[in-house]
Amino acid sequence: MNNDARARNHPAYWAFLVHRLSGLALGLFLPAHFWALGQAIQGEANLESFLRWTDSPLVKFAEWGLVVLLAAHMTGGLRLLALEFLPWRNWQKSLAAAAAGLALLAGLAVALAL
């Protein structure tokens, strides 16, 4: 196995990839979020129509995905802060696993609440 393939199998690479992709996905979500907030400015009828649309199962599932993305990005960021400010130790792989576990736990909590 060459060095590139070995590096891409490392947990730190996967933690980096999840953090980067979740950040990009959240950035793509922002215009939709601002549009939704703008519906409140347009008037009560527009907002009410939008809120009825958000009761659909597909939107509920997307909300769950959004919470998972937020949790993944937050826990990945906390992992990076730990890497930056704490001395290097062998438990760095455990930080990636803990970040993934916390993100999935947040997703599960939201799924149960829906």
PDB file of N, CA and C in Angstrom:
ATOM      1  N   MET A   1       0.856  -1.173   0.000  1.00  0.00           N
ATOM      2  CA  MET A   1       0.000   0.000   0.000  1.00  0.00           C
ATOM      3  C   MET A   1       0.899   1.233   0.000  1.00  0.00           C
ATOM      4  N   ASN A   2       0.657   2.161  -0.943  1.00  0.00           N
ATOM      5  CA  ASN A   2       1.507   3.350  -0.998  1.00  0.00           C
ATOM      6  C   ASN A   2       1.108   4.358   0.077  1.00  0.00           C
ATOM      7  N   ASN A   3       1.919   5.395   0.222  1.00  0.00           N
ATOM      8  CA  ASN A   3       1.702   6.364   1.297  1.00  0.00           C
ATOM      9  C   ASN A   3       0.402   7.139   1.142  1.00  0.00           C
ATOM     10  N   ASP A   4       0.003   7.461  -0.116  1.00  0.00           N
ATOM     11  CA  ASP A   4      -1.251   8.205  -0.317  1.00  0.00           C
ATOM     12  C   ASP A   4      -2.445   7.393   0.136  1.00  0.00           C
ATOM     13  N   ALA A   5      -2.480   6.128  -0.225  1.00  0.00           N
ATOM     14  CA  ALA A   5      -3.604   5.272   0.169  1.00  0.00           C
ATOM     15  C   ALA A   5      -3.613   5.065   1.676  1.00  0.00           C
ATOM     16  N   ARG A   6      -2.447   4.925   2.269  1.00  0.00           N
ATOM     17  CA  ARG A   6      -2.372   4.736   3.719  1.00  0.00           C
ATOM     18  C   ARG A   6      -2.849   5.994   4.447  1.00  0.00           C
ATOM     19  N   ALA A   7      -2.477   7.162   3.925  1.00  0.00           N
ATOM     20  CA  ALA A   7      -2.900   8.414   4.552  1.00  0.00           C
ATOM     21  C   ALA A   7      -4.415   8.576   4.477  1.00  0.00           C
ATOM     22  N   ARG A   8      -5.018   8.111   3.391  1.00  0.00           N
ATOM     23  CA  ARG A   8      -6.465   8.267   3.234  1.00  0.00           C
ATOM     24  C   ARG A   8      -7.255   7.249   4.039  1.00  0.00           C
ATOM     25  N   ASN A   9      -6.614   6.266   4.570  1.00  0.00           N
ATOM     26  CA  ASN A   9      -7.277   5.317   5.455  1.00  0.00           C
ATOM     27  C   ASN A   9      -7.133   5.706   6.917  1.00  0.00           C
ATOM     28  N   HIS A  10      -6.393   6.753   7.181  1.00  0.00           N
ATOM     29  CA  HIS A  10      -6.152   7.183   8.559  1.00  0.00           C
ATOM     30  C   HIS A  10      -7.395   7.898   9.106  1.00  0.00           C
ATOM     31  N   PRO A  11      -7.757   7.658  10.364  1.00  0.00           N
ATOM     32  CA  PRO A  11      -8.933   8.324  10.950  1.00  0.00           C
ATOM     33  C   PRO A  11      -8.853   9.851  10.907  1.00  0.00           C
ATOM     34  N   ALA A  12      -7.649  10.404  11.002  1.00  0.00           N
ATOM     35  CA  ALA A  12      -7.512  11.855  10.962  1.00  0.00           C
ATOM     36  C   ALA A  12      -7.910  12.403   9.593  1.00  0.00           C
ATOM     37  N   TYR A  13      -7.626  11.660   8.544  1.00  0.00           N
ATOM     38  CA  TYR A  13      -8.034  12.091   7.202  1.00  0.00           C
ATOM     39  C   TYR A  13      -9.551  12.106   7.099  1.00  0.00           C
ATOM     40  N   TRP A  14     -10.192  11.084   7.610  1.00  0.00           N
ATOM     41  CA  TRP A  14     -11.658  11.021   7.550  1.00  0.00           C
ATOM     42  C   TRP A  14     -12.283  12.111   8.410  1.00  0.00           C
ATOM     43  N   ALA A  15     -11.673  12.418   9.537  1.00  0.00           N
ATOM     44  CA  ALA A  15     -12.164  13.507  10.388  1.00  0.00           C
ATOM     45  C   ALA A  15     -12.035  14.841   9.644  1.00  0.00           C
ATOM     46  N   PHE A  16     -10.904  15.044   8.974  1.00  0.00           N
ATOM     47  CA  PHE A  16     -10.712  16.251   8.163  1.00  0.00           C
ATOM     48  C   PHE A  16     -11.764  16.335   7.069  1.00  0.00           C
ATOM     49  N   LEU A  17     -11.998  15.223   6.378  1.00  0.00           N
ATOM     50  CA  LEU A  17     -12.942  15.203   5.269  1.00  0.00           C
ATOM     51  C   LEU A  17     -14.368  15.501   5.733  1.00  0.00           C
ATOM     52  N   VAL A  18     -14.782  14.900   6.837  1.00  0.00           N
ATOM     53  CA  VAL A  18     -16.128  15.159   7.374  1.00  0.00           C
ATOM     54  C   VAL A  18     -16.252  16.620   7.784  1.00  0.00           C
ATOM     55  N   HIS A  19     -15.234  17.163   8.436  1.00  0.00           N
ATOM     56  CA  HIS A  19     -15.276  18.556   8.865  1.00  0.00           C
ATOM     57  C   HIS A  19     -15.363  19.490   7.663  1.00  0.00           C
ATOM     58  N   ARG A  20     -14.561  19.233   6.646  1.00  0.00           N
ATOM     59  CA  ARG A  20     -14.561  20.086   5.452  1.00  0.00           C
ATOM     60  C   ARG A  20     -15.886  19.992   4.701  1.00  0.00           C
ATOM     61  N   LEU A  21     -16.376  18.782   4.468  1.00  0.00           N
ATOM     62  CA  LEU A  21     -17.619  18.615   3.715  1.00  0.00           C
ATOM     63  C   LEU A  21     -18.831  19.129   4.486  1.00  0.00           C
ATOM     64  N   SER A  22     -18.847  18.945   5.797  1.00  0.00           N
ATOM     65  CA  SER A  22     -19.965  19.479   6.577  1.00  0.00           C
ATOM     66  C   SER A  22     -19.950  21.005   6.542  1.00  0.00           C
ATOM     67  N   GLY A  23     -18.779  21.606   6.580  1.00  0.00           N
ATOM     68  CA  GLY A  23     -18.686  23.066   6.476  1.00  0.00           C
ATOM     69  C   GLY A  23     -19.175  23.572   5.136  1.00  0.00           C
ATOM     70  N   LEU A  24     -18.805  22.884   4.068  1.00  0.00           N
ATOM     71  CA  LEU A  24     -19.282  23.273   2.737  1.00  0.00           C
ATOM     72  C   LEU A  24     -20.796  23.125   2.624  1.00  0.00           C
ATOM     73  N   ALA A  25     -21.331  22.028   3.131  1.00  0.00           N
ATOM     74  CA  ALA A  25     -22.781  21.809   3.074  1.00  0.00           C
ATOM     75  C   ALA A  25     -23.523  22.867   3.887  1.00  0.00           C
ATOM     76  N   LEU A  26     -22.989  23.217   5.046  1.00  0.00           N
ATOM     77  CA  LEU A  26     -23.623  24.266   5.854  1.00  0.00           C
ATOM     78  C   LEU A  26     -23.549  25.618   5.151  1.00  0.00           C
ATOM     79  N   GLY A  27     -22.455  25.870   4.472  1.00  0.00           N
ATOM     80  CA  GLY A  27     -22.336  27.109   3.702  1.00  0.00           C
ATOM     81  C   GLY A  27     -23.341  27.167   2.555  1.00  0.00           C
ATOM     82  N   LEU A  28     -23.592  26.023   1.922  1.00  0.00           N
ATOM     83  CA  LEU A  28     -24.596  25.980   0.861  1.00  0.00           C
ATOM     84  C   LEU A  28     -26.009  26.144   1.412  1.00  0.00           C
ATOM     85  N   PHE A  29     -26.223  25.760   2.648  1.00  0.00           N
ATOM     86  CA  PHE A  29     -27.533  25.881   3.273  1.00  0.00           C
ATOM     87  C   PHE A  29     -27.879  27.335   3.622  1.00  0.00           C
ATOM     88  N   LEU A  30     -26.869  28.154   3.886  1.00  0.00           N
ATOM     89  CA  LEU A  30     -27.125  29.515   4.362  1.00  0.00           C
ATOM     90  C   LEU A  30     -28.054  30.342   3.471  1.00  0.00           C
ATOM     91  N   PRO A  31     -27.891  30.367   2.151  1.00  0.00           N
ATOM     92  CA  PRO A  31     -28.842  31.151   1.339  1.00  0.00           C
ATOM     93  C   PRO A  31     -30.293  30.684   1.516  1.00  0.00           C
ATOM     94  N   ALA A  32     -30.518  29.382   1.624  1.00  0.00           N
ATOM     95  CA  ALA A  32     -31.874  28.884   1.851  1.00  0.00           C
ATOM     96  C   ALA A  32     -32.388  29.335   3.213  1.00  0.00           C
ATOM     97  N   HIS A  33     -31.517  29.360   4.186  1.00  0.00           N
ATOM     98  CA  HIS A  33     -31.898  29.806   5.520  1.00  0.00           C
ATOM     99  C   HIS A  33     -32.292  31.288   5.495  1.00  0.00           C
ATOM    100  N   PHE A  34     -31.502  32.108   4.813  1.00  0.00           N
ATOM    101  CA  PHE A  34     -31.822  33.529   4.735  1.00  0.00           C
ATOM    102  C   PHE A  34     -33.102  33.761   3.943  1.00  0.00           C
ATOM    103  N   TRP A  35     -33.324  32.960   2.914  1.00  0.00           N
ATOM    104  CA  TRP A  35     -34.573  33.070   2.163  1.00  0.00           C
ATOM    105  C   TRP A  35     -35.762  32.752   3.071  1.00  0.00           C
ATOM    106  N   ALA A  36     -35.641  31.703   3.873  1.00  0.00           N
ATOM    107  CA  ALA A  36     -36.723  31.332   4.787  1.00  0.00           C
ATOM    108  C   ALA A  36     -36.986  32.452   5.794  1.00  0.00           C
ATOM    109  N   LEU A  37     -35.932  33.060   6.309  1.00  0.00           N
ATOM    110  CA  LEU A  37     -36.117  34.183   7.225  1.00  0.00           C
ATOM    111  C   LEU A  37     -36.792  35.363   6.521  1.00  0.00           C
ATOM    112  N   GLY A  38     -36.483  35.535   5.253  1.00  0.00           N
ATOM    113  CA  GLY A  38     -37.094  36.611   4.481  1.00  0.00           C
ATOM    114  C   GLY A  38     -38.587  36.428   4.288  1.00  0.00           C
ATOM    115  N   GLN A  39     -39.075  35.212   4.386  1.00  0.00           N
ATOM    116  CA  GLN A  39     -40.513  34.975   4.249  1.00  0.00           C
ATOM    117  C   GLN A  39     -41.296  35.675   5.355  1.00  0.00           C
ATOM    118  N   ALA A  40     -40.694  35.807   6.519  1.00  0.00           N
ATOM    119  CA  ALA A  40     -41.360  36.508   7.623  1.00  0.00           C
ATOM    120  C   ALA A  40     -41.494  38.002   7.301  1.00  0.00           C
ATOM    121  N   ILE A  41     -40.557  38.552   6.579  1.00  0.00           N
ATOM    122  CA  ILE A  41     -40.601  39.972   6.218  1.00  0.00           C
ATOM    123  C   ILE A  41     -41.656  40.219   5.136  1.00  0.00           C
ATOM    124  N   GLN A  42     -41.875  39.218   4.276  1.00  0.00           N
ATOM    125  CA  GLN A  42     -42.803  39.367   3.159  1.00  0.00           C
ATOM    126  C   GLN A  42     -44.261  39.419   3.603  1.00  0.00           C
ATOM    127  N   GLY A  43     -44.541  38.955   4.785  1.00  0.00           N
ATOM    128  CA  GLY A  43     -45.912  39.006   5.275  1.00  0.00           C
ATOM    129  C   GLY A  43     -46.327  37.696   5.914  1.00  0.00           C
ATOM    130  N   GLU A  44     -47.423  37.773   6.627  1.00  0.00           N
ATOM    131  CA  GLU A  44     -47.909  36.626   7.376  1.00  0.00           C
ATOM    132  C   GLU A  44     -48.316  35.457   6.480  1.00  0.00           C
ATOM    133  N   ALA A  45     -48.929  35.746   5.334  1.00  0.00           N
ATOM    134  CA  ALA A  45     -49.389  34.679   4.434  1.00  0.00           C
ATOM    135  C   ALA A  45     -48.209  33.887   3.863  1.00  0.00           C
ATOM    136  N   ASN A  46     -47.179  34.587   3.454  1.00  0.00           N
ATOM    137  CA  ASN A  46     -45.989  33.897   2.929  1.00  0.00           C
ATOM    138  C   ASN A  46     -45.336  33.030   3.998  1.00  0.00           C
ATOM    139  N   LEU A  47     -45.228  33.573   5.198  1.00  0.00           N
ATOM    140  CA  LEU A  47     -44.614  32.813   6.284  1.00  0.00           C
ATOM    141  C   LEU A  47     -45.457  31.596   6.634  1.00  0.00           C
ATOM    142  N   GLU A  48     -46.755  31.764   6.697  1.00  0.00           N
ATOM    143  CA  GLU A  48     -47.635  30.638   7.020  1.00  0.00           C
ATOM    144  C   GLU A  48     -47.543  29.543   5.971  1.00  0.00           C
ATOM    145  N   SER A  49     -47.490  29.929   4.709  1.00  0.00           N
ATOM    146  CA  SER A  49     -47.343  28.953   3.626  1.00  0.00           C
ATOM    147  C   SER A  49     -46.017  28.197   3.753  1.00  0.00           C
ATOM    148  N   PHE A  50     -44.969  28.930   4.061  1.00  0.00           N
ATOM    149  CA  PHE A  50     -43.659  28.296   4.235  1.00  0.00           C
ATOM    150  C   PHE A  50     -43.667  27.339   5.424  1.00  0.00           C
ATOM    151  N   LEU A  51     -44.276  27.753   6.522  1.00  0.00           N
ATOM    152  CA  LEU A  51     -44.308  26.903   7.714  1.00  0.00           C
ATOM    153  C   LEU A  51     -45.126  25.632   7.482  1.00  0.00           C
ATOM    154  N   ARG A  52     -46.192  25.716   6.694  1.00  0.00           N
ATOM    155  CA  ARG A  52     -46.954  24.504   6.356  1.00  0.00           C
ATOM    156  C   ARG A  52     -46.090  23.551   5.536  1.00  0.00           C
ATOM    157  N   TRP A  53     -45.289  24.110   4.619  1.00  0.00           N
ATOM    158  CA  TRP A  53     -44.407  23.272   3.797  1.00  0.00           C
ATOM    159  C   TRP A  53     -43.369  22.560   4.672  1.00  0.00           C
ATOM    160  N   THR A  54     -42.926  23.208   5.736  1.00  0.00           N
ATOM    161  CA  THR A  54     -41.889  22.597   6.581  1.00  0.00           C
ATOM    162  C   THR A  54     -42.413  21.424   7.404  1.00  0.00           C
ATOM    163  N   ASP A  55     -43.710  21.191   7.408  1.00  0.00           N
ATOM    164  CA  ASP A  55     -44.257  20.036   8.121  1.00  0.00           C
ATOM    165  C   ASP A  55     -44.141  18.736   7.338  1.00  0.00           C
ATOM    166  N   SER A  56     -43.647  18.808   6.106  1.00  0.00           N
ATOM    167  CA  SER A  56     -43.552  17.591   5.294  1.00  0.00           C
ATOM    168  C   SER A  56     -42.434  16.678   5.806  1.00  0.00           C
ATOM    169  N   PRO A  57     -42.594  15.366   5.617  1.00  0.00           N
ATOM    170  CA  PRO A  57     -41.577  14.421   6.110  1.00  0.00           C
ATOM    171  C   PRO A  57     -40.187  14.644   5.496  1.00  0.00           C
ATOM    172  N   LEU A  58     -40.142  15.050   4.238  1.00  0.00           N
ATOM    173  CA  LEU A  58     -38.845  15.286   3.597  1.00  0.00           C
ATOM    174  C   LEU A  58     -38.104  16.437   4.288  1.00  0.00           C
ATOM    175  N   VAL A  59     -38.830  17.493   4.636  1.00  0.00           N
ATOM    176  CA  VAL A  59     -38.204  18.630   5.318  1.00  0.00           C
ATOM    177  C   VAL A  59     -37.771  18.224   6.725  1.00  0.00           C
ATOM    178  N   LYS A  60     -38.574  17.424   7.397  1.00  0.00           N
ATOM    179  CA  LYS A  60     -38.188  16.941   8.731  1.00  0.00           C
ATOM    180  C   LYS A  60     -36.903  16.126   8.660  1.00  0.00           C
ATOM    181  N   PHE A  61     -36.793  15.277   7.638  1.00  0.00           N
ATOM    182  CA  PHE A  61     -35.574  14.494   7.449  1.00  0.00           C
ATOM    183  C   PHE A  61     -34.387  15.418   7.152  1.00  0.00           C
ATOM    184  N   ALA A  62     -34.615  16.456   6.350  1.00  0.00           N
ATOM    185  CA  ALA A  62     -33.548  17.410   6.044  1.00  0.00           C
ATOM    186  C   ALA A  62     -33.117  18.164   7.300  1.00  0.00           C
ATOM    187  N   GLU A  63     -34.074  18.471   8.183  1.00  0.00           N
ATOM    188  CA  GLU A  63     -33.718  19.115   9.449  1.00  0.00           C
ATOM    189  C   GLU A  63     -32.822  18.211  10.280  1.00  0.00           C
ATOM    190  N   TRP A  64     -33.145  16.927  10.280  1.00  0.00           N
ATOM    191  CA  TRP A  64     -32.301  15.972  10.993  1.00  0.00           C
ATOM    192  C   TRP A  64     -30.887  15.978  10.393  1.00  0.00           C
ATOM    193  N   GLY A  65     -30.809  15.959   9.077  1.00  0.00           N
ATOM    194  CA  GLY A  65     -29.500  15.998   8.417  1.00  0.00           C
ATOM    195  C   GLY A  65     -28.738  17.264   8.739  1.00  0.00           C
ATOM    196  N   LEU A  66     -29.450  18.368   8.821  1.00  0.00           N
ATOM    197  CA  LEU A  66     -28.811  19.639   9.163  1.00  0.00           C
ATOM    198  C   LEU A  66     -28.223  19.596  10.572  1.00  0.00           C
ATOM    199  N   VAL A  67     -28.959  19.013  11.507  1.00  0.00           N
ATOM    200  CA  VAL A  67     -28.447  18.901  12.877  1.00  0.00           C
ATOM    201  C   VAL A  67     -27.207  18.007  12.909  1.00  0.00           C
ATOM    202  N   VAL A  68     -27.226  16.925  12.152  1.00  0.00           N
ATOM    203  CA  VAL A  68     -26.048  16.046  12.100  1.00  0.00           C
ATOM    204  C   VAL A  68     -24.859  16.802  11.507  1.00  0.00           C
ATOM    205  N   LEU A  69     -25.096  17.574  10.436  1.00  0.00           N
ATOM    206  CA  LEU A  69     -24.011  18.363   9.845  1.00  0.00           C
ATOM    207  C   LEU A  69     -23.469  19.387  10.848  1.00  0.00           C
ATOM    208  N   LEU A  70     -24.362  20.070  11.534  1.00  0.00           N
ATOM    209  CA  LEU A  70     -23.916  21.044  12.537  1.00  0.00           C
ATOM    210  C   LEU A  70     -23.116  20.374  13.651  1.00  0.00           C
ATOM    211  N   ALA A  71     -23.603  19.241  14.126  1.00  0.00           N
ATOM    212  CA  ALA A  71     -22.900  18.533  15.201  1.00  0.00           C
ATOM    213  C   ALA A  71     -21.551  18.007  14.718  1.00  0.00           C
ATOM    214  N   ALA A  72     -21.523  17.482  13.496  1.00  0.00           N
ATOM    215  CA  ALA A  72     -20.254  16.976  12.945  1.00  0.00           C
ATOM    216  C   ALA A  72     -19.250  18.108  12.794  1.00  0.00           C
ATOM    217  N   HIS A  73     -19.708  19.244  12.307  1.00  0.00           N
ATOM    218  CA  HIS A  73     -18.801  20.367  12.116  1.00  0.00           C
ATOM    219  C   HIS A  73     -18.324  20.930  13.452  1.00  0.00           C
ATOM    220  N   MET A  74     -19.230  21.018  14.424  1.00  0.00           N
ATOM    221  CA  MET A  74     -18.854  21.534  15.737  1.00  0.00           C
ATOM    222  C   MET A  74     -17.868  20.597  16.439  1.00  0.00           C
ATOM    223  N   THR A  75     -18.172  19.307  16.457  1.00  0.00           N
ATOM    224  CA  THR A  75     -17.275  18.386  17.152  1.00  0.00           C
ATOM    225  C   THR A  75     -15.941  18.267  16.423  1.00  0.00           C
ATOM    226  N   GLY A  76     -15.977  18.360  15.087  1.00  0.00           N
ATOM    227  CA  GLY A  76     -14.720  18.374  14.337  1.00  0.00           C
ATOM    228  C   GLY A  76     -13.902  19.612  14.661  1.00  0.00           C
ATOM    229  N   GLY A  77     -14.570  20.740  14.830  1.00  0.00           N
ATOM    230  CA  GLY A  77     -13.871  21.965  15.214  1.00  0.00           C
ATOM    231  C   GLY A  77     -13.280  21.871  16.608  1.00  0.00           C
ATOM    232  N   LEU A  78     -14.032  21.268  17.519  1.00  0.00           N
ATOM    233  CA  LEU A  78     -13.490  21.065  18.872  1.00  0.00           C
ATOM    234  C   LEU A  78     -12.276  20.143  18.829  1.00  0.00           C
ATOM    235  N   ARG A  79     -12.334  19.131  17.973  1.00  0.00           N
ATOM    236  CA  ARG A  79     -11.194  18.231  17.814  1.00  0.00           C
ATOM    237  C   ARG A  79      -9.973  19.000  17.310  1.00  0.00           C
ATOM    238  N   LEU A  80     -10.194  19.897  16.346  1.00  0.00           N
ATOM    239  CA  LEU A  80      -9.084  20.687  15.819  1.00  0.00           C
ATOM    240  C   LEU A  80      -8.510  21.626  16.875  1.00  0.00           C
ATOM    241  N   LEU A  81      -9.381  22.202  17.687  1.00  0.00           N
ATOM    242  CA  LEU A  81      -8.884  23.042  18.774  1.00  0.00           C
ATOM    243  C   LEU A  81      -8.037  22.238  19.754  1.00  0.00           C
ATOM    244  N   ALA A  82      -8.472  21.024  20.041  1.00  0.00           N
ATOM    245  CA  ALA A  82      -7.682  20.168  20.934  1.00  0.00           C
ATOM    246  C   ALA A  82      -6.327  19.850  20.312  1.00  0.00           C
ATOM    247  N   LEU A  83      -6.316  19.584  19.007  1.00  0.00           N
ATOM    248  CA  LEU A  83      -5.048  19.316  18.329  1.00  0.00           C
ATOM    249  C   LEU A  83      -4.129  20.532  18.374  1.00  0.00           C
ATOM    250  N   GLU A  84      -4.720  21.697  18.255  1.00  0.00           N
ATOM    251  CA  GLU A  84      -3.936  22.925  18.209  1.00  0.00           C
ATOM    252  C   GLU A  84      -3.363  23.310  19.569  1.00  0.00           C
ATOM    253  N   PHE A  85      -4.160  23.154  20.618  1.00  0.00           N
ATOM    254  CA  PHE A  85      -3.762  23.710  21.900  1.00  0.00           C
ATOM    255  C   PHE A  85      -3.308  22.689  22.933  1.00  0.00           C
ATOM    256  N   LEU A  86      -3.548  21.421  22.701  1.00  0.00           N
ATOM    257  CA  LEU A  86      -3.100  20.394  23.637  1.00  0.00           C
ATOM    258  C   LEU A  86      -1.850  19.712  23.093  1.00  0.00           C
ATOM    259  N   PRO A  87      -1.000  19.207  23.967  1.00  0.00           N
ATOM    260  CA  PRO A  87       0.187  18.507  23.476  1.00  0.00           C
ATOM    261  C   PRO A  87      -0.196  17.233  22.721  1.00  0.00           C
ATOM    262  N   TRP A  88       0.618  16.879  21.752  1.00  0.00           N
ATOM    263  CA  TRP A  88       0.350  15.698  20.919  1.00  0.00           C
ATOM    264  C   TRP A  88       0.435  14.432  21.764  1.00  0.00           C
ATOM    265  N   ARG A  89      -0.548  13.601  21.619  1.00  0.00           N
ATOM    266  CA  ARG A  89      -0.590  12.323  22.336  1.00  0.00           C
ATOM    267  C   ARG A  89      -1.084  11.246  21.392  1.00  0.00           C
ATOM    268  N   ASN A  90      -0.999  10.027  21.826  1.00  0.00           N
ATOM    269  CA  ASN A  90      -1.461   8.899  21.012  1.00  0.00           C
ATOM    270  C   ASN A  90      -2.975   8.808  20.937  1.00  0.00           C
ATOM    271  N   TRP A  91      -3.696   9.551  21.769  1.00  0.00           N
ATOM    272  CA  TRP A  91      -5.146   9.460  21.786  1.00  0.00           C
ATOM    273  C   TRP A  91      -5.815  10.372  20.764  1.00  0.00           C
ATOM    274  N   GLN A  92      -5.046  10.890  19.803  1.00  0.00           N
ATOM    275  CA  GLN A  92      -5.648  11.775  18.788  1.00  0.00           C
ATOM    276  C   GLN A  92      -6.698  11.049  17.955  1.00  0.00           C
ATOM    277  N   LYS A  93      -6.482   9.755  17.694  1.00  0.00           N
ATOM    278  CA  LYS A  93      -7.493   8.980  16.961  1.00  0.00           C
ATOM    279  C   LYS A  93      -8.784   8.895  17.758  1.00  0.00           C
ATOM    280  N   SER A  94      -8.653   8.839  19.069  1.00  0.00           N
ATOM    281  CA  SER A  94      -9.842   8.778  19.916  1.00  0.00           C
ATOM    282  C   SER A  94     -10.652  10.063  19.832  1.00  0.00           C
ATOM    283  N   LEU A  95      -9.985  11.195  19.622  1.00  0.00           N
ATOM    284  CA  LEU A  95     -10.711  12.452  19.459  1.00  0.00           C
ATOM    285  C   LEU A  95     -11.606  12.404  18.229  1.00  0.00           C
ATOM    286  N   ALA A  96     -11.107  11.831  17.147  1.00  0.00           N
ATOM    287  CA  ALA A  96     -11.914  11.712  15.928  1.00  0.00           C
ATOM    288  C   ALA A  96     -13.119  10.816  16.184  1.00  0.00           C
ATOM    289  N   ALA A  97     -12.913   9.725  16.884  1.00  0.00           N
ATOM    290  CA  ALA A  97     -14.025   8.821  17.190  1.00  0.00           C
ATOM    291  C   ALA A  97     -15.032   9.490  18.121  1.00  0.00           C
ATOM    292  N   ALA A  98     -14.547  10.242  19.089  1.00  0.00           N
ATOM    293  CA  ALA A  98     -15.456  10.943  20.007  1.00  0.00           C
ATOM    294  C   ALA A  98     -16.258  12.002  19.263  1.00  0.00           C
ATOM    295  N   ALA A  99     -15.622  12.708  18.344  1.00  0.00           N
ATOM    296  CA  ALA A  99     -16.330  13.720  17.553  1.00  0.00           C
ATOM    297  C   ALA A  99     -17.429  13.072  16.720  1.00  0.00           C
ATOM    298  N   ALA A 100     -17.124  11.963  16.090  1.00  0.00           N
ATOM    299  CA  ALA A 100     -18.138  11.258  15.286  1.00  0.00           C
ATOM    300  C   ALA A 100     -19.270  10.751  16.172  1.00  0.00           C
ATOM    301  N   GLY A 101     -18.932  10.214  17.317  1.00  0.00           N
ATOM    302  CA  GLY A 101     -19.950   9.704  18.229  1.00  0.00           C
ATOM    303  C   GLY A 101     -20.872  10.797  18.744  1.00  0.00           C
ATOM    304  N   LEU A 102     -20.309  11.946  19.098  1.00  0.00           N
ATOM    305  CA  LEU A 102     -21.139  13.061  19.569  1.00  0.00           C
ATOM    306  C   LEU A 102     -22.056  13.575  18.469  1.00  0.00           C
ATOM    307  N   ALA A 103     -21.552  13.640  17.237  1.00  0.00           N
ATOM    308  CA  ALA A 103     -22.381  14.100  16.122  1.00  0.00           C
ATOM    309  C   ALA A 103     -23.542  13.141  15.893  1.00  0.00           C
ATOM    310  N   LEU A 104     -23.272  11.852  15.924  1.00  0.00           N
ATOM    311  CA  LEU A 104     -24.342  10.874  15.733  1.00  0.00           C
ATOM    312  C   LEU A 104     -25.323  10.883  16.899  1.00  0.00           C
ATOM    313  N   LEU A 105     -24.829  11.109  18.092  1.00  0.00           N
ATOM    314  CA  LEU A 105     -25.700  11.204  19.253  1.00  0.00           C
ATOM    315  C   LEU A 105     -26.654  12.395  19.129  1.00  0.00           C
ATOM    316  N   ALA A 106     -26.150  13.524  18.668  1.00  0.00           N
ATOM    317  CA  ALA A 106     -27.002  14.699  18.452  1.00  0.00           C
ATOM    318  C   ALA A 106     -28.054  14.401  17.393  1.00  0.00           C
ATOM    319  N   GLY A 107     -27.658  13.718  16.321  1.00  0.00           N
ATOM    320  CA  GLY A 107     -28.608  13.345  15.280  1.00  0.00           C
ATOM    321  C   GLY A 107     -29.686  12.416  15.803  1.00  0.00           C
ATOM    322  N   LEU A 108     -29.290  11.466  16.638  1.00  0.00           N
ATOM    323  CA  LEU A 108     -30.249  10.544  17.214  1.00  0.00           C
ATOM    324  C   LEU A 108     -31.218  11.265  18.139  1.00  0.00           C
ATOM    325  N   ALA A 109     -30.722  12.214  18.914  1.00  0.00           N
ATOM    326  CA  ALA A 109     -31.589  12.965  19.811  1.00  0.00           C
ATOM    327  C   ALA A 109     -32.640  13.751  19.030  1.00  0.00           C
ATOM    328  N   VAL A 110     -32.236  14.341  17.916  1.00  0.00           N
ATOM    329  CA  VAL A 110     -33.183  15.087  17.101  1.00  0.00           C
ATOM    330  C   VAL A 110     -34.164  14.148  16.426  1.00  0.00           C
ATOM    331  N   ALA A 111     -33.687  13.011  15.955  1.00  0.00           N
ATOM    332  CA  ALA A 111     -34.578  12.047  15.314  1.00  0.00           C
ATOM    333  C   ALA A 111     -35.655  11.566  16.284  1.00  0.00           C
ATOM    334  N   LEU A 112     -35.293  11.366  17.524  1.00  0.00           N
ATOM    335  CA  LEU A 112     -36.253  10.942  18.525  1.00  0.00           C
ATOM    336  C   LEU A 112     -37.246  12.040  18.881  1.00  0.00           C
ATOM    337  N   ALA A 113     -36.788  13.300  18.786  1.00  0.00           N
ATOM    338  CA  ALA A 113     -37.655  14.428  19.100  1.00  0.00           C
ATOM    339  C   ALA A 113     -38.649  14.709  17.989  1.00  0.00           C
ATOM    340  N   LEU A 114     -38.322  14.324  16.748  1.00  0.00           N
ATOM    341  CA  LEU A 114     -39.240  14.581  15.628  1.00  0.00           C
ATOM    342  C   LEU A 114     -40.351  13.602  15.729  1.00  0.00           C
TER     343      LEU A 114
END
